[in-house]
Amino acid sequence: MANVTIYSTPTCVYCNMTKDFLKVHKVPYQEFNVASDLKAREDMVNKSHQLGVPVIDIDGTIIVGYDQPKIASALGLK
């Protein structure tokens, strides 16, 4: 199973869509709220060079935004 990390904020619609997509496909993930976790925010920016959320890290592949085809591809989903 892939190691999935989501950097998100509580009010982000696309973050929630990403989490819903992962739940539907039964993909476990670790979530960091970058609105309140400064260390996680720093990690997210270092990985993605972005301040926007969601930032998804799938086994080292960084995806910025809710890009369902890229997420599915990185996870090996059809």
C-alpha atoms as a PDB file:
ATOM      1  CA  MET A   1       0.000   0.000   0.000  1.00  0.00           C
ATOM      2  CA  ALA A   2       1.225   3.492  -0.831  1.00  0.00           C
ATOM      3  CA  ASN A   3       2.360   5.914   1.841  1.00  0.00           C
ATOM      4  CA  VAL A   4       0.011   8.901   1.438  1.00  0.00           C
ATOM      5  CA  THR A   5       0.259  12.257   3.197  1.00  0.00           C
ATOM      6  CA  ILE A   6      -2.187  15.124   2.677  1.00  0.00           C
ATOM      7  CA  TYR A   7      -1.376  18.694   3.663  1.00  0.00           C
ATOM      8  CA  SER A   8      -4.677  20.526   4.018  1.00  0.00           C
ATOM      9  CA  THR A   9      -6.749  23.143   5.819  1.00  0.00           C
ATOM     10  CA  PRO A  10     -10.143  22.612   7.457  1.00  0.00           C
ATOM     11  CA  THR A  11     -12.024  24.929   5.081  1.00  0.00           C
ATOM     12  CA  CYS A  12     -10.510  23.663   1.819  1.00  0.00           C
ATOM     13  CA  VAL A  13     -13.178  22.121  -0.427  1.00  0.00           C
ATOM     14  CA  TYR A  14     -10.583  20.439  -2.664  1.00  0.00           C
ATOM     15  CA  CYS A  15      -8.850  18.956   0.376  1.00  0.00           C
ATOM     16  CA  ASN A  16     -12.152  17.368   1.411  1.00  0.00           C
ATOM     17  CA  MET A  17     -12.714  16.083  -2.124  1.00  0.00           C
ATOM     18  CA  THR A  18      -9.242  14.501  -2.062  1.00  0.00           C
ATOM     19  CA  LYS A  19      -9.908  12.812   1.284  1.00  0.00           C
ATOM     20  CA  ASP A  20     -13.307  11.575   0.074  1.00  0.00           C
ATOM     21  CA  PHE A  21     -11.686  10.116  -3.059  1.00  0.00           C
ATOM     22  CA  LEU A  22      -9.114   8.267  -0.951  1.00  0.00           C
ATOM     23  CA  LYS A  23     -11.789   6.975   1.438  1.00  0.00           C
ATOM     24  CA  VAL A  24     -13.892   5.636  -1.451  1.00  0.00           C
ATOM     25  CA  HIS A  25     -10.844   3.719  -2.690  1.00  0.00           C
ATOM     26  CA  LYS A  26      -9.945   2.600   0.858  1.00  0.00           C
ATOM     27  CA  VAL A  27      -6.537   4.291   0.717  1.00  0.00           C
ATOM     28  CA  PRO A  28      -5.216   5.130   4.184  1.00  0.00           C
ATOM     29  CA  TYR A  29      -3.550   8.506   4.578  1.00  0.00           C
ATOM     30  CA  GLN A  30      -1.935  10.766   7.125  1.00  0.00           C
ATOM     31  CA  GLU A  31      -3.260  14.318   7.244  1.00  0.00           C
ATOM     32  CA  PHE A  32      -1.583  17.507   8.425  1.00  0.00           C
ATOM     33  CA  ASN A  33      -3.532  20.720   9.012  1.00  0.00           C
ATOM     34  CA  VAL A  34      -1.160  23.403   7.733  1.00  0.00           C
ATOM     35  CA  ALA A  35      -3.408  26.163   9.099  1.00  0.00           C
ATOM     36  CA  SER A  36      -2.375  25.256  12.647  1.00  0.00           C
ATOM     37  CA  ASP A  37       0.762  23.099  12.249  1.00  0.00           C
ATOM     38  CA  LEU A  38       3.673  25.373  11.313  1.00  0.00           C
ATOM     39  CA  LYS A  39       6.150  22.478  11.004  1.00  0.00           C
ATOM     40  CA  ALA A  40       3.803  20.685   8.575  1.00  0.00           C
ATOM     41  CA  ARG A  41       3.371  23.906   6.589  1.00  0.00           C
ATOM     42  CA  GLU A  42       7.151  24.235   6.300  1.00  0.00           C
ATOM     43  CA  ASP A  43       7.437  20.587   5.186  1.00  0.00           C
ATOM     44  CA  MET A  44       4.679  21.133   2.594  1.00  0.00           C
ATOM     45  CA  VAL A  45       6.374  24.214   1.129  1.00  0.00           C
ATOM     46  CA  ASN A  46       9.742  22.442   1.028  1.00  0.00           C
ATOM     47  CA  LYS A  47       8.207  19.508  -0.857  1.00  0.00           C
ATOM     48  CA  SER A  48       5.916  21.402  -3.225  1.00  0.00           C
ATOM     49  CA  HIS A  49       7.257  24.972  -3.380  1.00  0.00           C
ATOM     50  CA  GLN A  50       3.578  25.940  -3.052  1.00  0.00           C
ATOM     51  CA  LEU A  51       1.403  27.554  -0.392  1.00  0.00           C
ATOM     52  CA  GLY A  52      -1.867  26.274  -1.866  1.00  0.00           C
ATOM     53  CA  VAL A  53      -3.604  23.156  -0.603  1.00  0.00           C
ATOM     54  CA  PRO A  54      -4.134  20.317  -0.925  1.00  0.00           C
ATOM     55  CA  VAL A  55      -0.633  19.020  -1.405  1.00  0.00           C
ATOM     56  CA  ILE A  56      -0.588  15.233  -1.659  1.00  0.00           C
ATOM     57  CA  ASP A  57       2.576  13.185  -1.188  1.00  0.00           C
ATOM     58  CA  ILE A  58       2.196   9.648  -2.549  1.00  0.00           C
ATOM     59  CA  ASP A  59       5.417   7.713  -1.980  1.00  0.00           C
ATOM     60  CA  GLY A  60       7.424  10.860  -2.784  1.00  0.00           C
ATOM     61  CA  THR A  61       5.325  11.920  -5.785  1.00  0.00           C
ATOM     62  CA  ILE A  62       4.010  15.415  -5.039  1.00  0.00           C
ATOM     63  CA  ILE A  63       0.614  16.420  -6.435  1.00  0.00           C
ATOM     64  CA  VAL A  64      -0.642  19.960  -5.901  1.00  0.00           C
ATOM     65  CA  GLY A  65      -4.405  20.375  -5.958  1.00  0.00           C
ATOM     66  CA  TYR A  66      -7.178  17.869  -6.409  1.00  0.00           C
ATOM     67  CA  ASP A  67      -6.064  16.241  -9.651  1.00  0.00           C
ATOM     68  CA  GLN A  68      -8.016  12.980  -9.605  1.00  0.00           C
ATOM     69  CA  PRO A  69      -6.288  11.400 -12.659  1.00  0.00           C
ATOM     70  CA  LYS A  70      -2.819  12.107 -11.245  1.00  0.00           C
ATOM     71  CA  ILE A  71      -3.798  10.826  -7.803  1.00  0.00           C
ATOM     72  CA  ALA A  72      -5.298   7.664  -9.279  1.00  0.00           C
ATOM     73  CA  SER A  73      -2.231   7.102 -11.443  1.00  0.00           C
ATOM     74  CA  ALA A  74       0.182   7.583  -8.526  1.00  0.00           C
ATOM     75  CA  LEU A  75      -1.854   5.068  -6.528  1.00  0.00           C
ATOM     76  CA  GLY A  76      -2.124   2.580  -9.394  1.00  0.00           C
ATOM     77  CA  LEU A  77      -5.932   2.867  -9.460  1.00  0.00           C
ATOM     78  CA  LYS A  78      -7.951   2.283 -12.613  1.00  0.00           C
END
